[in-house]
Amino acid sequence: MKRVVVAADLGGTRLRAALVDDEGNVFARRERPTPPKGTEVVELLSTLLGQVASASATAPAAACVTAPGLVDADAGTVLLAPNIEGFRNVHLTRPVAEALRIPVYIENDASAAALGEFRFGAGRGARHVLHATLGTGIGGGLVINGRLYRGARGLAGEIGHIIVDPAGPRCNCGSRGCLEALVSGVAFANRAKRMINNGTSVVLREIVGYTEPTSQHLHQAALAGDRQSEAEIRNGGHMLGLALGSLVNVLNPDIVTLSGGLLQIGDMLLGPAREAMYSLAYGPAAATELKITTLDDDAGLLGAAAVAFERLGEVSRRD
């Protein structure tokens, strides 16, 4: 009989939950807007996950919630979640477990995405997977010998804060030249804003109009023939490739997988990234594959499910 878990993906704008079986089938989906305050989030999580669990013909074995930001998976606590007011040092698993009466786990969303790709997606069949999420920010996760690697304090995989240009722009973390400050949704939006303010792109100004510049605007301007916009995107891709190439040399994964909204830019971003990564890969590391996610919009839910199944396996081994 297939085992079933409850998976939840807590984002800055929406909370999604569903049942997922051990073959990666997703059903009984639910979705709600993410409440603006942390106390409301915990209450909604308990309610929504309870609704999903009750839709299962067999009792779910466990539940897992993935969240952005800093997460202490062992303590079941969100240390800090961006874009959710008051969501700092929130013990998430205890109240949800009390409501569901099953084990509840929590994991950083990017780390969970790595395990999801390993178990259900582009990383299937590999032993060692490096995953990068390319969206509003840059996240990452590591699967080593088939196990999610969390590091000493659960912060492994923060590849967005690798320094790729010491003279580069300041990152929100306080450092200068982080990968996230050079290639991310926020970085490209900031770049577009500066280009408009400096008057270096008439095409971009016309596309943006009176709205707030975004990475999509920068891409649209590049497609319209604006060389400066295209150069900014290609440079960001190059920086991404430098970071990935360095990580490939250090970690020697079987495969590097990518997910996130920036993938919509396509080869204008990924071409330079691929070229830079392989130019840095040392010796046999050049055999490392670079693949795009196959999980699409279910990546968050399948990542949460993968963590739940891994944690259940840990319990079985202890027993």
C-alpha atoms as a PDB file:
ATOM      1  CA  MET A   1       0.000   0.000   0.000  1.00  0.00           C
ATOM      2  CA  LYS A   2       1.254   3.460  -0.870  1.00  0.00           C
ATOM      3  CA  ARG A   3       2.177   5.708   2.023  1.00  0.00           C
ATOM      4  CA  VAL A   4       0.677   9.201   2.051  1.00  0.00           C
ATOM      5  CA  VAL A   5       1.909  12.390   3.712  1.00  0.00           C
ATOM      6  CA  VAL A   6       0.547  15.908   4.047  1.00  0.00           C
ATOM      7  CA  ALA A   7       2.768  18.463   2.312  1.00  0.00           C
ATOM      8  CA  ALA A   8       2.582  22.227   2.778  1.00  0.00           C
ATOM      9  CA  ASP A   9       4.491  25.009   1.030  1.00  0.00           C
ATOM     10  CA  LEU A  10       4.439  28.296   2.941  1.00  0.00           C
ATOM     11  CA  GLY A  11       5.311  31.219   0.686  1.00  0.00           C
ATOM     12  CA  GLY A  12       5.261  34.963   1.126  1.00  0.00           C
ATOM     13  CA  THR A  13       2.003  35.316  -0.828  1.00  0.00           C
ATOM     14  CA  ARG A  14       0.309  31.916  -0.766  1.00  0.00           C
ATOM     15  CA  LEU A  15       0.035  28.806   1.391  1.00  0.00           C
ATOM     16  CA  ARG A  16      -0.429  25.546  -0.503  1.00  0.00           C
ATOM     17  CA  ALA A  17      -1.121  22.100   0.905  1.00  0.00           C
ATOM     18  CA  ALA A  18      -1.880  18.674  -0.540  1.00  0.00           C
ATOM     19  CA  LEU A  19      -1.619  14.944  -0.048  1.00  0.00           C
ATOM     20  CA  VAL A  20       1.383  13.295  -1.719  1.00  0.00           C
ATOM     21  CA  ASP A  21       2.029   9.570  -1.994  1.00  0.00           C
ATOM     22  CA  ASP A  22       5.444   7.913  -2.096  1.00  0.00           C
ATOM     23  CA  GLU A  23       5.424   7.863  -5.906  1.00  0.00           C
ATOM     24  CA  GLY A  24       5.005  11.636  -6.100  1.00  0.00           C
ATOM     25  CA  ASN A  25       1.312  11.785  -6.985  1.00  0.00           C
ATOM     26  CA  VAL A  26      -0.289  14.990  -5.680  1.00  0.00           C
ATOM     27  CA  PHE A  27      -3.986  15.222  -4.792  1.00  0.00           C
ATOM     28  CA  ALA A  28      -6.498  16.905  -2.448  1.00  0.00           C
ATOM     29  CA  ARG A  29      -4.912  20.288  -3.113  1.00  0.00           C
ATOM     30  CA  ARG A  30      -5.782  23.354  -1.072  1.00  0.00           C
ATOM     31  CA  GLU A  31      -4.518  26.928  -1.402  1.00  0.00           C
ATOM     32  CA  ARG A  32      -5.039  30.136   0.574  1.00  0.00           C
ATOM     33  CA  PRO A  33      -3.414  33.586   0.619  1.00  0.00           C
ATOM     34  CA  THR A  34      -0.676  33.779   3.248  1.00  0.00           C
ATOM     35  CA  PRO A  35      -1.907  35.867   6.184  1.00  0.00           C
ATOM     36  CA  PRO A  36       0.132  39.002   6.912  1.00  0.00           C
ATOM     37  CA  LYS A  37       0.868  38.070  10.540  1.00  0.00           C
ATOM     38  CA  GLY A  38       2.707  35.089  11.961  1.00  0.00           C
ATOM     39  CA  THR A  39       0.061  34.138  14.532  1.00  0.00           C
ATOM     40  CA  GLU A  40      -2.545  33.900  11.786  1.00  0.00           C
ATOM     41  CA  VAL A  41      -0.211  31.720   9.697  1.00  0.00           C
ATOM     42  CA  VAL A  42       0.040  29.025  12.383  1.00  0.00           C
ATOM     43  CA  GLU A  43      -3.733  28.982  12.826  1.00  0.00           C
ATOM     44  CA  LEU A  44      -4.354  28.715   9.077  1.00  0.00           C
ATOM     45  CA  LEU A  45      -1.724  25.982   8.733  1.00  0.00           C
ATOM     46  CA  SER A  46      -3.425  23.841  11.355  1.00  0.00           C
ATOM     47  CA  THR A  47      -6.825  24.313   9.707  1.00  0.00           C
ATOM     48  CA  LEU A  48      -5.691  23.802   6.118  1.00  0.00           C
ATOM     49  CA  LEU A  49      -3.533  20.766   6.838  1.00  0.00           C
ATOM     50  CA  GLY A  50      -6.384  19.267   8.848  1.00  0.00           C
ATOM     51  CA  GLN A  51      -8.699  19.633   5.844  1.00  0.00           C
ATOM     52  CA  VAL A  52      -6.148  17.978   3.575  1.00  0.00           C
ATOM     53  CA  ALA A  53      -5.484  15.128   6.013  1.00  0.00           C
ATOM     54  CA  SER A  54      -9.208  14.392   6.347  1.00  0.00           C
ATOM     55  CA  ALA A  55      -9.433  13.953   2.548  1.00  0.00           C
ATOM     56  CA  SER A  56      -7.137  10.913   2.674  1.00  0.00           C
ATOM     57  CA  ALA A  57      -8.644   7.427   2.495  1.00  0.00           C
ATOM     58  CA  THR A  58      -5.810   6.219   4.741  1.00  0.00           C
ATOM     59  CA  ALA A  59      -4.330   8.095   7.669  1.00  0.00           C
ATOM     60  CA  PRO A  60      -1.349  10.225   6.543  1.00  0.00           C
ATOM     61  CA  ALA A  61       1.913   9.025   8.055  1.00  0.00           C
ATOM     62  CA  ALA A  62       3.296  12.529   8.684  1.00  0.00           C
ATOM     63  CA  ALA A  63       3.244  16.137   7.519  1.00  0.00           C
ATOM     64  CA  CYS A  64       5.935  18.591   6.484  1.00  0.00           C
ATOM     65  CA  VAL A  65       5.830  22.361   6.051  1.00  0.00           C
ATOM     66  CA  THR A  66       8.465  24.159   3.987  1.00  0.00           C
ATOM     67  CA  ALA A  67       9.138  27.822   4.695  1.00  0.00           C
ATOM     68  CA  PRO A  68      11.427  30.528   3.324  1.00  0.00           C
ATOM     69  CA  GLY A  69      14.176  32.046   5.427  1.00  0.00           C
ATOM     70  CA  LEU A  70      16.037  30.627   8.400  1.00  0.00           C
ATOM     71  CA  VAL A  71      14.628  27.364   9.727  1.00  0.00           C
ATOM     72  CA  ASP A  72      15.733  25.134  12.607  1.00  0.00           C
ATOM     73  CA  ALA A  73      14.412  21.827  11.305  1.00  0.00           C
ATOM     74  CA  ASP A  74      15.341  19.826  14.410  1.00  0.00           C
ATOM     75  CA  ALA A  75      13.627  22.270  16.776  1.00  0.00           C
ATOM     76  CA  GLY A  76      10.637  22.727  14.458  1.00  0.00           C
ATOM     77  CA  THR A  77      11.104  26.493  14.522  1.00  0.00           C
ATOM     78  CA  VAL A  78      11.078  29.250  11.914  1.00  0.00           C
ATOM     79  CA  LEU A  79      13.851  31.566  13.101  1.00  0.00           C
ATOM     80  CA  LEU A  80      13.097  34.265  10.537  1.00  0.00           C
ATOM     81  CA  ALA A  81      10.776  34.321   7.513  1.00  0.00           C
ATOM     82  CA  PRO A  82      10.948  37.313   5.157  1.00  0.00           C
ATOM     83  CA  ASN A  83       7.696  39.017   4.116  1.00  0.00           C
ATOM     84  CA  ILE A  84       5.659  37.632   7.042  1.00  0.00           C
ATOM     85  CA  GLU A  85       5.218  40.127   9.863  1.00  0.00           C
ATOM     86  CA  GLY A  86       6.231  38.836  13.276  1.00  0.00           C
ATOM     87  CA  PHE A  87       7.350  35.470  11.930  1.00  0.00           C
ATOM     88  CA  ARG A  88      10.483  35.230  14.035  1.00  0.00           C
ATOM     89  CA  ASN A  89      11.342  32.364  16.405  1.00  0.00           C
ATOM     90  CA  VAL A  90       7.950  30.740  15.793  1.00  0.00           C
ATOM     91  CA  HIS A  91       7.619  27.125  16.914  1.00  0.00           C
ATOM     92  CA  LEU A  92       5.582  25.784  14.031  1.00  0.00           C
ATOM     93  CA  THR A  93       5.489  22.020  14.359  1.00  0.00           C
ATOM     94  CA  ARG A  94       4.108  21.633  17.896  1.00  0.00           C
ATOM     95  CA  PRO A  95       0.697  23.328  17.423  1.00  0.00           C
ATOM     96  CA  VAL A  96       0.193  21.746  13.996  1.00  0.00           C
ATOM     97  CA  ALA A  97       1.113  18.286  15.329  1.00  0.00           C
ATOM     98  CA  GLU A  98      -1.344  18.718  18.194  1.00  0.00           C
ATOM     99  CA  ALA A  99      -4.082  19.531  15.682  1.00  0.00           C
ATOM    100  CA  LEU A 100      -3.273  16.704  13.248  1.00  0.00           C
ATOM    101  CA  ARG A 101      -2.122  14.053  15.760  1.00  0.00           C
ATOM    102  CA  ILE A 102       0.671  12.914  13.428  1.00  0.00           C
ATOM    103  CA  PRO A 103       4.393  13.778  13.296  1.00  0.00           C
ATOM    104  CA  VAL A 104       4.981  17.206  11.733  1.00  0.00           C
ATOM    105  CA  TYR A 105       8.311  18.369  10.311  1.00  0.00           C
ATOM    106  CA  ILE A 106       9.589  21.664   8.942  1.00  0.00           C
ATOM    107  CA  GLU A 107      12.314  22.484   6.430  1.00  0.00           C
ATOM    108  CA  ASN A 108      13.770  25.421   4.528  1.00  0.00           C
ATOM    109  CA  ASP A 109      12.025  25.583   1.157  1.00  0.00           C
ATOM    110  CA  ALA A 110      15.195  25.552  -0.964  1.00  0.00           C
ATOM    111  CA  SER A 111      16.676  22.605   0.945  1.00  0.00           C
ATOM    112  CA  ALA A 112      13.401  20.737   0.552  1.00  0.00           C
ATOM    113  CA  ALA A 113      13.422  21.531  -3.175  1.00  0.00           C
ATOM    114  CA  ALA A 114      16.793  19.793  -3.468  1.00  0.00           C
ATOM    115  CA  LEU A 115      15.413  16.644  -1.868  1.00  0.00           C
ATOM    116  CA  GLY A 116      12.292  16.871  -4.021  1.00  0.00           C
ATOM    117  CA  GLU A 117      14.380  16.953  -7.195  1.00  0.00           C
ATOM    118  CA  PHE A 118      16.436  14.021  -5.903  1.00  0.00           C
ATOM    119  CA  ARG A 119      13.425  11.853  -5.100  1.00  0.00           C
ATOM    120  CA  PHE A 120      10.845  12.884  -7.700  1.00  0.00           C
ATOM    121  CA  GLY A 121      12.422  15.195 -10.288  1.00  0.00           C
ATOM    122  CA  ALA A 122      15.468  15.971 -12.406  1.00  0.00           C
ATOM    123  CA  GLY A 123      17.842  14.436  -9.846  1.00  0.00           C
ATOM    124  CA  ARG A 124      16.318  10.947  -9.819  1.00  0.00           C
ATOM    125  CA  GLY A 125      18.977   8.270 -10.093  1.00  0.00           C
ATOM    126  CA  ALA A 126      21.766  10.502  -8.726  1.00  0.00           C
ATOM    127  CA  ARG A 127      23.472  10.137  -5.342  1.00  0.00           C
ATOM    128  CA  HIS A 128      24.771  13.688  -4.966  1.00  0.00           C
ATOM    129  CA  VAL A 129      22.609  16.672  -6.016  1.00  0.00           C
ATOM    130  CA  LEU A 130      23.276  20.405  -5.834  1.00  0.00           C
ATOM    131  CA  HIS A 131      20.080  22.419  -6.306  1.00  0.00           C
ATOM    132  CA  ALA A 132      19.670  26.161  -6.834  1.00  0.00           C
ATOM    133  CA  THR A 133      16.400  28.095  -6.704  1.00  0.00           C
ATOM    134  CA  LEU A 134      16.407  31.195  -8.897  1.00  0.00           C
ATOM    135  CA  GLY A 135      13.591  33.535  -7.965  1.00  0.00           C
ATOM    136  CA  THR A 136      13.084  36.730  -6.003  1.00  0.00           C
ATOM    137  CA  GLY A 137      16.212  35.637  -4.143  1.00  0.00           C
ATOM    138  CA  ILE A 138      18.675  32.784  -4.602  1.00  0.00           C
ATOM    139  CA  GLY A 139      18.485  29.662  -2.474  1.00  0.00           C
ATOM    140  CA  GLY A 140      20.016  26.235  -2.581  1.00  0.00           C
ATOM    141  CA  GLY A 141      20.167  22.776  -1.126  1.00  0.00           C
ATOM    142  CA  LEU A 142      22.456  19.753  -1.043  1.00  0.00           C
ATOM    143  CA  VAL A 143      21.739  16.046  -1.184  1.00  0.00           C
ATOM    144  CA  ILE A 144      24.830  13.986  -0.362  1.00  0.00           C
ATOM    145  CA  ASN A 145      24.764  10.188  -0.545  1.00  0.00           C
ATOM    146  CA  GLY A 146      21.008  10.352  -0.933  1.00  0.00           C
ATOM    147  CA  ARG A 147      20.472  12.383   2.251  1.00  0.00           C
ATOM    148  CA  LEU A 148      19.600  16.034   2.681  1.00  0.00           C
ATOM    149  CA  TYR A 149      22.656  17.812   4.082  1.00  0.00           C
ATOM    150  CA  ARG A 150      21.756  20.538   6.584  1.00  0.00           C
ATOM    151  CA  GLY A 151      25.154  21.422   8.033  1.00  0.00           C
ATOM    152  CA  ALA A 152      26.061  22.094  11.664  1.00  0.00           C
ATOM    153  CA  ARG A 153      23.248  24.603  12.277  1.00  0.00           C
ATOM    154  CA  GLY A 154      20.832  23.808   9.478  1.00  0.00           C
ATOM    155  CA  LEU A 155      22.014  26.586   7.169  1.00  0.00           C
ATOM    156  CA  ALA A 156      23.801  24.553   4.480  1.00  0.00           C
ATOM    157  CA  GLY A 157      22.932  25.520   0.922  1.00  0.00           C
ATOM    158  CA  GLU A 158      22.788  29.319   1.255  1.00  0.00           C
ATOM    159  CA  ILE A 159      24.443  29.708  -2.131  1.00  0.00           C
ATOM    160  CA  GLY A 160      22.869  33.120  -2.667  1.00  0.00           C
ATOM    161  CA  HIS A 161      25.432  34.520  -0.251  1.00  0.00           C
ATOM    162  CA  ILE A 162      28.545  33.258  -1.988  1.00  0.00           C
ATOM    163  CA  ILE A 163      30.695  36.290  -2.834  1.00  0.00           C
ATOM    164  CA  VAL A 164      31.251  36.415  -6.593  1.00  0.00           C
ATOM    165  CA  ASP A 165      32.230  40.096  -6.896  1.00  0.00           C
ATOM    166  CA  PRO A 166      33.772  41.772  -3.810  1.00  0.00           C
ATOM    167  CA  ALA A 167      33.293  45.162  -5.477  1.00  0.00           C
ATOM    168  CA  GLY A 168      29.679  44.409  -6.390  1.00  0.00           C
ATOM    169  CA  PRO A 169      26.447  45.833  -4.974  1.00  0.00           C
ATOM    170  CA  ARG A 170      25.541  45.444  -1.323  1.00  0.00           C
ATOM    171  CA  CYS A 171      23.288  42.512  -0.492  1.00  0.00           C
ATOM    172  CA  ASN A 172      20.356  42.610   1.930  1.00  0.00           C
ATOM    173  CA  CYS A 173      22.428  40.393   4.244  1.00  0.00           C
ATOM    174  CA  GLY A 174      24.939  43.246   4.647  1.00  0.00           C
ATOM    175  CA  SER A 175      27.774  41.784   2.575  1.00  0.00           C
ATOM    176  CA  ARG A 176      28.883  43.127  -0.781  1.00  0.00           C
ATOM    177  CA  GLY A 177      28.904  41.176  -4.040  1.00  0.00           C
ATOM    178  CA  CYS A 178      26.746  38.206  -3.007  1.00  0.00           C
ATOM    179  CA  LEU A 179      25.364  36.114  -5.851  1.00  0.00           C
ATOM    180  CA  GLU A 180      21.839  37.126  -4.815  1.00  0.00           C
ATOM    181  CA  ALA A 181      22.747  40.809  -5.198  1.00  0.00           C
ATOM    182  CA  LEU A 182      23.864  40.184  -8.785  1.00  0.00           C
ATOM    183  CA  VAL A 183      21.441  37.632 -10.227  1.00  0.00           C
ATOM    184  CA  SER A 184      17.956  37.334  -8.723  1.00  0.00           C
ATOM    185  CA  GLY A 185      14.548  38.862  -9.271  1.00  0.00           C
ATOM    186  CA  VAL A 186      15.386  41.657  -6.851  1.00  0.00           C
ATOM    187  CA  ALA A 187      18.848  42.213  -8.347  1.00  0.00           C
ATOM    188  CA  PHE A 188      17.503  42.506 -11.890  1.00  0.00           C
ATOM    189  CA  ALA A 189      14.727  44.840 -10.737  1.00  0.00           C
ATOM    190  CA  ASN A 190      17.292  47.069  -9.007  1.00  0.00           C
ATOM    191  CA  ARG A 191      19.436  47.024 -12.136  1.00  0.00           C
ATOM    192  CA  ALA A 192      16.466  48.070 -14.273  1.00  0.00           C
ATOM    193  CA  LYS A 193      15.653  50.902 -11.880  1.00  0.00           C
ATOM    194  CA  ARG A 194      19.209  52.250 -12.039  1.00  0.00           C
ATOM    195  CA  MET A 195      19.250  52.046 -15.834  1.00  0.00           C
ATOM    196  CA  ILE A 196      16.044  54.064 -16.028  1.00  0.00           C
ATOM    197  CA  ASN A 197      17.281  56.643 -13.526  1.00  0.00           C
ATOM    198  CA  ASN A 198      20.576  56.963 -15.407  1.00  0.00           C
ATOM    199  CA  GLY A 199      18.826  57.252 -18.752  1.00  0.00           C
ATOM    200  CA  THR A 200      20.869  54.407 -20.259  1.00  0.00           C
ATOM    201  CA  SER A 201      17.890  52.570 -21.793  1.00  0.00           C
ATOM    202  CA  VAL A 202      15.067  54.353 -23.574  1.00  0.00           C
ATOM    203  CA  VAL A 203      13.536  50.996 -24.531  1.00  0.00           C
ATOM    204  CA  LEU A 204      13.388  49.863 -20.906  1.00  0.00           C
ATOM    205  CA  ARG A 205      11.859  53.166 -19.801  1.00  0.00           C
ATOM    206  CA  GLU A 206       9.099  52.806 -22.408  1.00  0.00           C
ATOM    207  CA  ILE A 207       8.357  49.214 -21.382  1.00  0.00           C
ATOM    208  CA  VAL A 208       8.236  49.980 -17.656  1.00  0.00           C
ATOM    209  CA  GLY A 209       6.175  53.146 -18.051  1.00  0.00           C
ATOM    210  CA  TYR A 210       4.892  54.329 -14.682  1.00  0.00           C
ATOM    211  CA  THR A 211       5.078  50.931 -12.973  1.00  0.00           C
ATOM    212  CA  GLU A 212       7.786  49.554 -10.698  1.00  0.00           C
ATOM    213  CA  PRO A 213      10.623  47.911 -12.692  1.00  0.00           C
ATOM    214  CA  THR A 214      10.902  44.113 -12.468  1.00  0.00           C
ATOM    215  CA  SER A 215      13.120  41.371 -13.844  1.00  0.00           C
ATOM    216  CA  GLN A 216      10.401  40.682 -16.424  1.00  0.00           C
ATOM    217  CA  HIS A 217      10.712  44.264 -17.713  1.00  0.00           C
ATOM    218  CA  LEU A 218      14.466  43.832 -18.091  1.00  0.00           C
ATOM    219  CA  HIS A 219      13.913  40.632 -20.064  1.00  0.00           C
ATOM    220  CA  GLN A 220      11.253  42.247 -22.264  1.00  0.00           C
ATOM    221  CA  ALA A 221      13.616  45.116 -23.069  1.00  0.00           C
ATOM    222  CA  ALA A 222      16.354  42.646 -23.972  1.00  0.00           C
ATOM    223  CA  LEU A 223      13.988  40.764 -26.290  1.00  0.00           C
ATOM    224  CA  ALA A 224      13.042  44.102 -27.868  1.00  0.00           C
ATOM    225  CA  GLY A 225      16.669  44.583 -28.856  1.00  0.00           C
ATOM    226  CA  ASP A 226      18.005  46.665 -25.965  1.00  0.00           C
ATOM    227  CA  ARG A 227      21.643  45.635 -25.759  1.00  0.00           C
ATOM    228  CA  GLN A 228      22.227  47.058 -22.284  1.00  0.00           C
ATOM    229  CA  SER A 229      19.353  45.034 -20.809  1.00  0.00           C
ATOM    230  CA  GLU A 230      20.592  41.887 -22.525  1.00  0.00           C
ATOM    231  CA  ALA A 231      24.124  42.525 -21.275  1.00  0.00           C
ATOM    232  CA  GLU A 232      22.860  42.833 -17.689  1.00  0.00           C
ATOM    233  CA  ILE A 233      21.041  39.494 -17.921  1.00  0.00           C
ATOM    234  CA  ARG A 234      23.970  37.729 -19.557  1.00  0.00           C
ATOM    235  CA  ASN A 235      26.351  39.100 -16.944  1.00  0.00           C
ATOM    236  CA  GLY A 236      24.041  37.807 -14.223  1.00  0.00           C
ATOM    237  CA  GLY A 237      24.056  34.389 -15.882  1.00  0.00           C
ATOM    238  CA  HIS A 238      27.847  34.481 -16.007  1.00  0.00           C
ATOM    239  CA  MET A 239      28.006  35.237 -12.273  1.00  0.00           C
ATOM    240  CA  LEU A 240      25.612  32.365 -11.584  1.00  0.00           C
ATOM    241  CA  GLY A 241      27.859  30.045 -13.577  1.00  0.00           C
ATOM    242  CA  LEU A 242      30.942  31.168 -11.653  1.00  0.00           C
ATOM    243  CA  ALA A 243      29.228  30.297  -8.371  1.00  0.00           C
ATOM    244  CA  LEU A 244      27.972  26.940  -9.643  1.00  0.00           C
ATOM    245  CA  GLY A 245      31.357  26.057 -11.137  1.00  0.00           C
ATOM    246  CA  SER A 246      33.104  26.761  -7.846  1.00  0.00           C
ATOM    247  CA  LEU A 247      30.556  24.658  -5.965  1.00  0.00           C
ATOM    248  CA  VAL A 248      30.927  21.811  -8.452  1.00  0.00           C
ATOM    249  CA  ASN A 249      34.676  21.781  -7.800  1.00  0.00           C
ATOM    250  CA  VAL A 250      34.183  21.737  -4.029  1.00  0.00           C
ATOM    251  CA  LEU A 251      31.268  19.289  -3.801  1.00  0.00           C
ATOM    252  CA  ASN A 252      31.634  17.135  -6.941  1.00  0.00           C
ATOM    253  CA  PRO A 253      27.896  16.432  -7.339  1.00  0.00           C
ATOM    254  CA  ASP A 254      26.485  14.079  -9.962  1.00  0.00           C
ATOM    255  CA  ILE A 255      24.084  16.762 -11.096  1.00  0.00           C
ATOM    256  CA  VAL A 256      23.160  20.421 -10.623  1.00  0.00           C
ATOM    257  CA  THR A 257      19.424  21.137 -10.807  1.00  0.00           C
ATOM    258  CA  LEU A 258      17.759  24.528 -11.186  1.00  0.00           C
ATOM    259  CA  SER A 259      14.255  25.787 -10.421  1.00  0.00           C
ATOM    260  CA  GLY A 260      12.493  29.119  -9.957  1.00  0.00           C
ATOM    261  CA  GLY A 261      10.841  31.950 -11.837  1.00  0.00           C
ATOM    262  CA  LEU A 262      14.028  33.307 -13.425  1.00  0.00           C
ATOM    263  CA  LEU A 263      14.199  30.178 -15.573  1.00  0.00           C
ATOM    264  CA  GLN A 264      11.540  31.830 -17.748  1.00  0.00           C
ATOM    265  CA  ILE A 265      14.302  34.072 -19.110  1.00  0.00           C
ATOM    266  CA  GLY A 266      15.718  31.003 -20.809  1.00  0.00           C
ATOM    267  CA  ASP A 267      18.991  30.747 -22.670  1.00  0.00           C
ATOM    268  CA  MET A 268      19.823  34.438 -22.343  1.00  0.00           C
ATOM    269  CA  LEU A 269      20.473  33.694 -18.655  1.00  0.00           C
ATOM    270  CA  LEU A 270      21.245  29.977 -18.711  1.00  0.00           C
ATOM    271  CA  GLY A 271      23.595  29.997 -21.703  1.00  0.00           C
ATOM    272  CA  PRO A 272      26.240  32.165 -19.990  1.00  0.00           C
ATOM    273  CA  ALA A 273      25.652  30.276 -16.722  1.00  0.00           C
ATOM    274  CA  ARG A 274      26.279  26.919 -18.359  1.00  0.00           C
ATOM    275  CA  GLU A 275      29.345  28.218 -20.201  1.00  0.00           C
ATOM    276  CA  ALA A 276      30.892  29.733 -17.050  1.00  0.00           C
ATOM    277  CA  MET A 277      30.143  26.668 -14.928  1.00  0.00           C
ATOM    278  CA  TYR A 278      31.828  24.274 -17.316  1.00  0.00           C
ATOM    279  CA  SER A 279      34.757  26.627 -17.907  1.00  0.00           C
ATOM    280  CA  LEU A 280      35.536  26.439 -14.166  1.00  0.00           C
ATOM    281  CA  ALA A 281      34.777  22.752 -13.611  1.00  0.00           C
ATOM    282  CA  TYR A 282      38.052  21.017 -12.827  1.00  0.00           C
ATOM    283  CA  GLY A 283      38.956  17.694 -14.435  1.00  0.00           C
ATOM    284  CA  PRO A 284      36.280  15.006 -13.980  1.00  0.00           C
ATOM    285  CA  ALA A 285      33.952  17.606 -12.416  1.00  0.00           C
ATOM    286  CA  ALA A 286      33.230  18.727 -15.983  1.00  0.00           C
ATOM    287  CA  ALA A 287      31.057  15.605 -16.291  1.00  0.00           C
ATOM    288  CA  THR A 288      28.527  17.131 -13.878  1.00  0.00           C
ATOM    289  CA  GLU A 289      25.128  17.540 -15.543  1.00  0.00           C
ATOM    290  CA  LEU A 290      23.135  20.777 -15.389  1.00  0.00           C
ATOM    291  CA  LYS A 291      19.381  20.167 -15.557  1.00  0.00           C
ATOM    292  CA  ILE A 292      16.178  22.178 -15.220  1.00  0.00           C
ATOM    293  CA  THR A 293      13.477  21.078 -12.779  1.00  0.00           C
ATOM    294  CA  THR A 294      10.783  18.735 -14.040  1.00  0.00           C
ATOM    295  CA  LEU A 295       8.449  19.399 -11.102  1.00  0.00           C
ATOM    296  CA  ASP A 296       7.055  22.764 -12.252  1.00  0.00           C
ATOM    297  CA  ASP A 297       4.487  24.312  -9.892  1.00  0.00           C
ATOM    298  CA  ASP A 298       4.435  21.253  -7.617  1.00  0.00           C
ATOM    299  CA  ALA A 299       8.116  21.613  -6.689  1.00  0.00           C
ATOM    300  CA  GLY A 300       7.337  23.073  -3.255  1.00  0.00           C
ATOM    301  CA  LEU A 301       4.787  20.415  -2.338  1.00  0.00           C
ATOM    302  CA  LEU A 302       6.954  17.557  -3.586  1.00  0.00           C
ATOM    303  CA  GLY A 303       9.927  18.964  -1.701  1.00  0.00           C
ATOM    304  CA  ALA A 304       7.910  18.991   1.515  1.00  0.00           C
ATOM    305  CA  ALA A 305       6.731  15.443   0.844  1.00  0.00           C
ATOM    306  CA  ALA A 306      10.281  14.256   0.184  1.00  0.00           C
ATOM    307  CA  VAL A 307      11.381  15.644   3.560  1.00  0.00           C
ATOM    308  CA  ALA A 308       8.474  13.926   5.322  1.00  0.00           C
ATOM    309  CA  PHE A 309       9.355  10.568   3.755  1.00  0.00           C
ATOM    310  CA  GLU A 310      13.041  11.014   4.634  1.00  0.00           C
ATOM    311  CA  ARG A 311      12.184  11.846   8.254  1.00  0.00           C
ATOM    312  CA  LEU A 312       9.887   8.830   8.463  1.00  0.00           C
ATOM    313  CA  GLY A 313      12.768   6.697   7.223  1.00  0.00           C
ATOM    314  CA  GLU A 314      14.972   8.068   9.998  1.00  0.00           C
ATOM    315  CA  VAL A 315      12.362   7.059  12.574  1.00  0.00           C
ATOM    316  CA  SER A 316      12.131   3.553  11.067  1.00  0.00           C
ATOM    317  CA  ARG A 317      15.902   3.116  11.220  1.00  0.00           C
ATOM    318  CA  ARG A 318      15.972   4.182  14.880  1.00  0.00           C
ATOM    319  CA  ASP A 319      13.192   1.725  15.703  1.00  0.00           C
END
